[in-house]
Amino acid sequence: MRKIEHIGIAVKDLKTSNALFKRLLGSEHYKEEEVAGEGVNTSFFQVGETKIELLEASREDSPISKFIEKKSEGIHHIAFDVEDIHAEVLRLKAAGFDILNETPKDGADNKLVVFLHPRSTNGVLVELCQNKNN
């Protein structure tokens, strides 16, 4: 793992949260994107080398909708940038981590993504990200 790629924050309303984070960070979001397969709309802010990803449910059965219903708004996941997502999955699986999706899937911001179950990472949902261009 090379660095923290982004911190994902579940929000109820993307427009309201974009305004809040603009005030907080002193800059506009640089991108909004829908990830239809996950039922989520995203918005990205750049903070140094790290990004903040705001996640709003686009349908009631999305993981974000369920997260907000259970835990309310807040930090949803921490994502790490990896050079070879397939090799990381093999390494982490061999090390005893529970992998939620062993086959990488399309994520926001031109990434392939894999998630680790929070039960194996002290309650934190961990996302592995690799640029699709790698």
C-alpha atoms as a PDB file:
ATOM      1  CA  MET A   1       0.000   0.000   0.000  1.00  0.00           C
ATOM      2  CA  ARG A   2       1.447   3.289  -1.096  1.00  0.00           C
ATOM      3  CA  LYS A   3      -0.683   5.958   0.595  1.00  0.00           C
ATOM      4  CA  ILE A   4      -4.143   6.890   1.810  1.00  0.00           C
ATOM      5  CA  GLU A   5      -5.971   7.535  -1.465  1.00  0.00           C
ATOM      6  CA  HIS A   6      -9.143   8.948   0.054  1.00  0.00           C
ATOM      7  CA  ILE A   7     -11.452   8.994   3.033  1.00  0.00           C
ATOM      8  CA  GLY A   8     -15.069   8.187   2.201  1.00  0.00           C
ATOM      9  CA  ILE A   9     -17.786  10.036   4.105  1.00  0.00           C
ATOM     10  CA  ALA A  10     -21.442   8.986   3.912  1.00  0.00           C
ATOM     11  CA  VAL A  11     -23.801  11.968   3.592  1.00  0.00           C
ATOM     12  CA  LYS A  12     -27.555  12.354   3.339  1.00  0.00           C
ATOM     13  CA  ASP A  13     -27.495  15.249   0.869  1.00  0.00           C
ATOM     14  CA  LEU A  14     -24.591  15.776  -1.530  1.00  0.00           C
ATOM     15  CA  LYS A  15     -25.467  19.386  -2.407  1.00  0.00           C
ATOM     16  CA  THR A  16     -25.636  20.446   1.254  1.00  0.00           C
ATOM     17  CA  SER A  17     -22.470  18.528   2.114  1.00  0.00           C
ATOM     18  CA  ASN A  18     -20.588  19.993  -0.870  1.00  0.00           C
ATOM     19  CA  ALA A  19     -21.349  23.467   0.488  1.00  0.00           C
ATOM     20  CA  LEU A  20     -20.267  22.454   4.003  1.00  0.00           C
ATOM     21  CA  PHE A  21     -16.965  20.943   2.832  1.00  0.00           C
ATOM     22  CA  LYS A  22     -16.313  23.933   0.561  1.00  0.00           C
ATOM     23  CA  ARG A  23     -16.543  26.163   3.648  1.00  0.00           C
ATOM     24  CA  LEU A  24     -14.447  23.727   5.704  1.00  0.00           C
ATOM     25  CA  LEU A  25     -11.672  23.141   3.158  1.00  0.00           C
ATOM     26  CA  GLY A  26     -11.723  26.525   1.415  1.00  0.00           C
ATOM     27  CA  SER A  27     -12.075  25.044  -2.061  1.00  0.00           C
ATOM     28  CA  GLU A  28     -14.703  23.601  -4.411  1.00  0.00           C
ATOM     29  CA  HIS A  29     -15.131  19.932  -5.107  1.00  0.00           C
ATOM     30  CA  TYR A  30     -13.383  19.042  -8.352  1.00  0.00           C
ATOM     31  CA  LYS A  31     -15.642  16.274  -9.542  1.00  0.00           C
ATOM     32  CA  GLU A  32     -19.034  14.622  -9.122  1.00  0.00           C
ATOM     33  CA  GLU A  33     -19.708  11.125 -10.399  1.00  0.00           C
ATOM     34  CA  GLU A  34     -22.393   8.460 -10.216  1.00  0.00           C
ATOM     35  CA  VAL A  35     -21.410   4.850  -9.544  1.00  0.00           C
ATOM     36  CA  ALA A  36     -24.641   3.187 -10.623  1.00  0.00           C
ATOM     37  CA  GLY A  37     -23.534  -0.320  -9.664  1.00  0.00           C
ATOM     38  CA  GLU A  38     -23.150   0.746  -6.042  1.00  0.00           C
ATOM     39  CA  GLY A  39     -26.182   3.055  -6.007  1.00  0.00           C
ATOM     40  CA  VAL A  40     -24.121   6.074  -5.038  1.00  0.00           C
ATOM     41  CA  ASN A  41     -23.392   9.615  -6.154  1.00  0.00           C
ATOM     42  CA  THR A  42     -19.930  10.874  -5.246  1.00  0.00           C
ATOM     43  CA  SER A  43     -18.163  14.189  -4.941  1.00  0.00           C
ATOM     44  CA  PHE A  44     -14.405  14.636  -4.555  1.00  0.00           C
ATOM     45  CA  PHE A  45     -12.339  17.274  -2.772  1.00  0.00           C
ATOM     46  CA  GLN A  46      -8.538  17.370  -2.981  1.00  0.00           C
ATOM     47  CA  VAL A  47      -6.649  17.949   0.297  1.00  0.00           C
ATOM     48  CA  GLY A  48      -2.903  17.788  -0.345  1.00  0.00           C
ATOM     49  CA  GLU A  49      -2.182  14.318  -1.698  1.00  0.00           C
ATOM     50  CA  THR A  50      -5.375  12.863  -0.197  1.00  0.00           C
ATOM     51  CA  LYS A  51      -8.961  13.135  -1.356  1.00  0.00           C
ATOM     52  CA  ILE A  52     -12.223  13.366   0.529  1.00  0.00           C
ATOM     53  CA  GLU A  53     -15.017  11.419  -1.178  1.00  0.00           C
ATOM     54  CA  LEU A  54     -18.562  12.336  -0.193  1.00  0.00           C
ATOM     55  CA  LEU A  55     -21.025   9.491  -0.820  1.00  0.00           C
ATOM     56  CA  GLU A  56     -24.773   9.990  -1.220  1.00  0.00           C
ATOM     57  CA  ALA A  57     -27.154   7.085  -1.802  1.00  0.00           C
ATOM     58  CA  SER A  58     -28.892   7.207  -5.175  1.00  0.00           C
ATOM     59  CA  ARG A  59     -31.316   4.432  -4.253  1.00  0.00           C
ATOM     60  CA  GLU A  60     -32.782   3.062  -1.024  1.00  0.00           C
ATOM     61  CA  ASP A  61     -31.074  -0.346  -1.236  1.00  0.00           C
ATOM     62  CA  SER A  62     -27.547   1.025  -1.669  1.00  0.00           C
ATOM     63  CA  PRO A  63     -24.818   0.287   0.887  1.00  0.00           C
ATOM     64  CA  ILE A  64     -24.637   4.017   1.714  1.00  0.00           C
ATOM     65  CA  SER A  65     -28.368   4.203   2.412  1.00  0.00           C
ATOM     66  CA  LYS A  66     -28.079   1.209   4.740  1.00  0.00           C
ATOM     67  CA  PHE A  67     -24.992   2.688   6.426  1.00  0.00           C
ATOM     68  CA  ILE A  68     -26.710   6.023   7.119  1.00  0.00           C
ATOM     69  CA  GLU A  69     -29.842   4.263   8.388  1.00  0.00           C
ATOM     70  CA  LYS A  70     -27.760   2.201  10.815  1.00  0.00           C
ATOM     71  CA  LYS A  71     -24.997   4.631  11.832  1.00  0.00           C
ATOM     72  CA  SER A  72     -25.977   8.093  10.493  1.00  0.00           C
ATOM     73  CA  GLU A  73     -23.678  10.310   8.445  1.00  0.00           C
ATOM     74  CA  GLY A  74     -19.945  10.030   8.956  1.00  0.00           C
ATOM     75  CA  ILE A  75     -16.759   8.276   7.956  1.00  0.00           C
ATOM     76  CA  HIS A  76     -17.664   5.267   5.850  1.00  0.00           C
ATOM     77  CA  HIS A  77     -14.265   3.943   4.724  1.00  0.00           C
ATOM     78  CA  ILE A  78     -10.558   4.579   4.318  1.00  0.00           C
ATOM     79  CA  ALA A  79      -9.121   3.829   0.888  1.00  0.00           C
ATOM     80  CA  PHE A  80      -5.511   2.918   0.191  1.00  0.00           C
ATOM     81  CA  ASP A  81      -3.774   3.315  -3.149  1.00  0.00           C
ATOM     82  CA  VAL A  82      -2.158   0.082  -4.328  1.00  0.00           C
ATOM     83  CA  GLU A  83       0.048  -0.652  -7.301  1.00  0.00           C
ATOM     84  CA  ASP A  84      -1.280  -4.167  -7.978  1.00  0.00           C
ATOM     85  CA  ILE A  85      -4.736  -4.793  -6.554  1.00  0.00           C
ATOM     86  CA  HIS A  86      -4.694  -8.506  -7.442  1.00  0.00           C
ATOM     87  CA  ALA A  87      -1.402  -9.068  -5.600  1.00  0.00           C
ATOM     88  CA  GLU A  88      -2.706  -7.108  -2.574  1.00  0.00           C
ATOM     89  CA  VAL A  89      -5.862  -9.228  -2.431  1.00  0.00           C
ATOM     90  CA  LEU A  90      -3.753 -12.403  -2.435  1.00  0.00           C
ATOM     91  CA  ARG A  91      -1.383 -11.004   0.213  1.00  0.00           C
ATOM     92  CA  LEU A  92      -4.166  -9.816   2.513  1.00  0.00           C
ATOM     93  CA  LYS A  93      -6.212 -12.998   2.097  1.00  0.00           C
ATOM     94  CA  ALA A  94      -3.135 -15.076   3.017  1.00  0.00           C
ATOM     95  CA  ALA A  95      -2.644 -12.802   6.039  1.00  0.00           C
ATOM     96  CA  GLY A  96      -6.144 -13.681   7.277  1.00  0.00           C
ATOM     97  CA  PHE A  97      -8.177 -10.633   6.238  1.00  0.00           C
ATOM     98  CA  ASP A  98     -11.788 -11.070   5.122  1.00  0.00           C
ATOM     99  CA  ILE A  99     -12.168  -9.818   1.551  1.00  0.00           C
ATOM    100  CA  LEU A 100     -15.668  -8.686   0.586  1.00  0.00           C
ATOM    101  CA  ASN A 101     -15.093  -8.813  -3.180  1.00  0.00           C
ATOM    102  CA  GLU A 102     -12.013 -10.720  -4.315  1.00  0.00           C
ATOM    103  CA  THR A 103     -12.605  -9.685  -7.923  1.00  0.00           C
ATOM    104  CA  PRO A 104     -11.967  -5.944  -8.313  1.00  0.00           C
ATOM    105  CA  LYS A 105     -14.944  -3.923  -9.489  1.00  0.00           C
ATOM    106  CA  ASP A 106     -15.304  -0.500 -11.068  1.00  0.00           C
ATOM    107  CA  GLY A 107     -15.310   2.353  -8.590  1.00  0.00           C
ATOM    108  CA  ALA A 108     -15.413   6.128  -8.831  1.00  0.00           C
ATOM    109  CA  ASP A 109     -12.540   8.262 -10.099  1.00  0.00           C
ATOM    110  CA  ASN A 110     -11.299   5.705 -12.687  1.00  0.00           C
ATOM    111  CA  LYS A 111     -10.425   3.083 -10.055  1.00  0.00           C
ATOM    112  CA  LEU A 112     -10.664  -0.640  -9.585  1.00  0.00           C
ATOM    113  CA  VAL A 113     -11.728  -1.347  -6.008  1.00  0.00           C
ATOM    114  CA  VAL A 114     -11.814  -4.159  -3.465  1.00  0.00           C
ATOM    115  CA  PHE A 115     -13.188  -3.919   0.076  1.00  0.00           C
ATOM    116  CA  LEU A 116     -12.027  -5.619   3.274  1.00  0.00           C
ATOM    117  CA  HIS A 117     -14.683  -6.548   5.824  1.00  0.00           C
ATOM    118  CA  PRO A 118     -14.592  -4.356   8.948  1.00  0.00           C
ATOM    119  CA  ARG A 119     -14.664  -7.412  11.226  1.00  0.00           C
ATOM    120  CA  SER A 120     -11.081  -8.126  10.176  1.00  0.00           C
ATOM    121  CA  THR A 121      -9.847  -4.506  10.352  1.00  0.00           C
ATOM    122  CA  ASN A 122     -10.893  -3.299  13.815  1.00  0.00           C
ATOM    123  CA  GLY A 123     -14.307  -2.115  12.635  1.00  0.00           C
ATOM    124  CA  VAL A 124     -13.036   0.007   9.728  1.00  0.00           C
ATOM    125  CA  LEU A 125     -14.216  -0.650   6.167  1.00  0.00           C
ATOM    126  CA  VAL A 126     -11.008  -0.612   4.101  1.00  0.00           C
ATOM    127  CA  GLU A 127     -10.978  -0.055   0.359  1.00  0.00           C
ATOM    128  CA  LEU A 128      -8.085  -0.899  -1.938  1.00  0.00           C
ATOM    129  CA  CYS A 129      -7.850   1.316  -5.051  1.00  0.00           C
ATOM    130  CA  GLN A 130      -5.847   0.925  -8.214  1.00  0.00           C
ATOM    131  CA  ASN A 131      -5.963   3.271 -11.207  1.00  0.00           C
ATOM    132  CA  LYS A 132      -7.527   1.466 -14.164  1.00  0.00           C
ATOM    133  CA  ASN A 133      -4.663   2.762 -16.300  1.00  0.00           C
ATOM    134  CA  ASN A 134      -2.065   0.719 -14.322  1.00  0.00           C
END
